[in-house]
C-alpha atoms as a PDB file:
ATOM      1  CA  MET A   1      16.047 -16.717 -12.994  1.00  0.00           C
ATOM      2  CA  ALA A   2      14.353 -20.053 -13.727  1.00  0.00           C
ATOM      3  CA  PRO A   3      10.900 -19.962 -15.340  1.00  0.00           C
ATOM      4  CA  GLN A   4       7.963 -20.500 -12.985  1.00  0.00           C
ATOM      5  CA  LEU A   5       6.347 -23.929 -13.331  1.00  0.00           C
ATOM      6  CA  ARG A   6       2.651 -23.666 -14.139  1.00  0.00           C
ATOM      7  CA  TYR A   7      -0.189 -26.099 -14.752  1.00  0.00           C
ATOM      8  CA  ALA A   8      -3.442 -25.696 -16.665  1.00  0.00           C
ATOM      9  CA  VAL A   9      -6.240 -27.366 -14.685  1.00  0.00           C
ATOM     10  CA  THR A  10      -9.574 -28.158 -16.338  1.00  0.00           C
ATOM     11  CA  LEU A  11     -12.637 -27.248 -14.252  1.00  0.00           C
ATOM     12  CA  PRO A  12     -16.035 -28.825 -14.910  1.00  0.00           C
ATOM     13  CA  GLY A  13     -18.947 -26.619 -15.918  1.00  0.00           C
ATOM     14  CA  PRO A  14     -21.856 -25.945 -13.538  1.00  0.00           C
ATOM     15  CA  VAL A  15     -23.620 -29.066 -12.257  1.00  0.00           C
ATOM     16  CA  GLY A  16     -26.720 -29.856 -14.309  1.00  0.00           C
ATOM     17  CA  ALA A  17     -26.170 -26.936 -16.692  1.00  0.00           C
ATOM     18  CA  HIS A  18     -24.174 -28.764 -19.378  1.00  0.00           C
ATOM     19  CA  GLY A  19     -21.898 -25.734 -19.498  1.00  0.00           C
ATOM     20  CA  ALA A  20     -18.483 -25.674 -21.067  1.00  0.00           C
ATOM     21  CA  ALA A  21     -15.439 -26.581 -19.038  1.00  0.00           C
ATOM     22  CA  LYS A  22     -13.113 -23.784 -17.893  1.00  0.00           C
ATOM     23  CA  VAL A  23      -9.358 -23.770 -17.416  1.00  0.00           C
ATOM     24  CA  VAL A  24      -7.453 -22.182 -14.537  1.00  0.00           C
ATOM     25  CA  VAL A  25      -3.672 -21.716 -14.584  1.00  0.00           C
ATOM     26  CA  VAL A  26      -1.921 -22.384 -11.280  1.00  0.00           C
ATOM     27  CA  GLN A  27       1.648 -21.850 -10.120  1.00  0.00           C
ATOM     28  CA  LEU A  28       3.680 -23.164  -7.216  1.00  0.00           C
ATOM     29  CA  LEU A  29       2.900 -21.217  -4.026  1.00  0.00           C
ATOM     30  CA  HIS A  30       4.805 -23.111  -1.319  1.00  0.00           C
ATOM     31  CA  ASP A  31       5.955 -26.556  -0.301  1.00  0.00           C
ATOM     32  CA  GLY A  32       2.796 -27.253   1.729  1.00  0.00           C
ATOM     33  CA  GLY A  33       4.467 -28.726   4.775  1.00  0.00           C
ATOM     34  CA  GLY A  34       3.324 -32.324   5.137  1.00  0.00           C
ATOM     35  CA  VAL A  35       0.860 -32.369   2.204  1.00  0.00           C
ATOM     36  CA  GLY A  36       3.371 -31.673  -0.565  1.00  0.00           C
ATOM     37  CA  PRO A  37       3.624 -28.658  -2.881  1.00  0.00           C
ATOM     38  CA  VAL A  38       0.613 -26.329  -2.966  1.00  0.00           C
ATOM     39  CA  TRP A  39      -0.406 -24.704  -6.230  1.00  0.00           C
ATOM     40  CA  GLY A  40      -2.782 -21.773  -6.713  1.00  0.00           C
ATOM     41  CA  ASP A  41      -4.142 -19.242  -9.162  1.00  0.00           C
ATOM     42  CA  THR A  42      -3.078 -15.584  -9.098  1.00  0.00           C
ATOM     43  CA  GLY A  43      -6.515 -14.474  -7.861  1.00  0.00           C
ATOM     44  CA  GLY A  44      -6.221 -16.598  -4.721  1.00  0.00           C
ATOM     45  CA  LEU A  45      -9.438 -18.528  -5.356  1.00  0.00           C
ATOM     46  CA  TRP A  46      -7.967 -21.973  -5.948  1.00  0.00           C
ATOM     47  CA  ARG A  47      -5.480 -24.020  -3.938  1.00  0.00           C
ATOM     48  CA  MET A  48      -4.592 -27.556  -4.981  1.00  0.00           C
ATOM     49  CA  ARG A  49      -2.059 -30.330  -4.788  1.00  0.00           C
ATOM     50  CA  ILE A  50      -0.886 -31.813  -8.090  1.00  0.00           C
ATOM     51  CA  ASP A  51       0.225 -35.410  -8.444  1.00  0.00           C
ATOM     52  CA  GLY A  52       1.161 -36.370 -12.005  1.00  0.00           C
ATOM     53  CA  GLU A  53      -1.791 -35.225 -14.101  1.00  0.00           C
ATOM     54  CA  ALA A  54      -4.297 -35.087 -11.221  1.00  0.00           C
ATOM     55  CA  ALA A  55      -5.077 -31.896  -9.314  1.00  0.00           C
ATOM     56  CA  ILE A  56      -6.627 -32.459  -5.883  1.00  0.00           C
ATOM     57  CA  VAL A  57      -8.550 -29.391  -4.710  1.00  0.00           C
ATOM     58  CA  LEU A  58      -7.630 -28.068  -1.263  1.00  0.00           C
ATOM     59  CA  ARG A  59      -9.648 -24.829  -1.492  1.00  0.00           C
ATOM     60  CA  ALA A  60     -12.204 -23.774  -4.104  1.00  0.00           C
ATOM     61  CA  PRO A  61     -14.348 -20.688  -4.771  1.00  0.00           C
ATOM     62  CA  SER A  62     -18.090 -20.453  -4.243  1.00  0.00           C
ATOM     63  CA  GLY A  63     -19.971 -22.955  -6.364  1.00  0.00           C
ATOM     64  CA  TYR A  64     -17.271 -25.597  -6.133  1.00  0.00           C
ATOM     65  CA  GLU A  65     -16.937 -26.048  -2.375  1.00  0.00           C
ATOM     66  CA  GLY A  66     -18.258 -29.270  -0.920  1.00  0.00           C
ATOM     67  CA  ARG A  67     -17.590 -31.183  -4.147  1.00  0.00           C
ATOM     68  CA  GLN A  68     -14.877 -33.844  -4.131  1.00  0.00           C
ATOM     69  CA  LEU A  69     -12.855 -32.562  -7.041  1.00  0.00           C
ATOM     70  CA  CYS A  70     -10.041 -34.431  -8.710  1.00  0.00           C
ATOM     71  CA  LEU A  71      -9.221 -32.538 -11.898  1.00  0.00           C
ATOM     72  CA  HIS A  72      -7.005 -33.006 -14.938  1.00  0.00           C
ATOM     73  CA  ALA A  73      -3.746 -30.985 -14.825  1.00  0.00           C
ATOM     74  CA  VAL A  74      -1.343 -30.372 -17.705  1.00  0.00           C
ATOM     75  CA  LEU A  75       2.166 -28.946 -17.241  1.00  0.00           C
ATOM     76  CA  LEU A  76       2.611 -25.799 -19.346  1.00  0.00           C
ATOM     77  CA  ALA A  77       5.852 -25.397 -21.271  1.00  0.00           C
END
């Protein structure tokens, strides 16, 4: 069985709080139909499309919704 591709995506800290960034690990969920592959975390909170090193958020948990997020993604070995 081939290893599952995963990405580490850096999330910004809370707006105006100068908090530390967090990292979420996402894996391929499905091909996404017309939008391309869809990636998500195991908790089901995040859904995103990854293009190169940019993660475009499709669904985010409370506190991140409504923000236009384009995040840095790094392929994990």
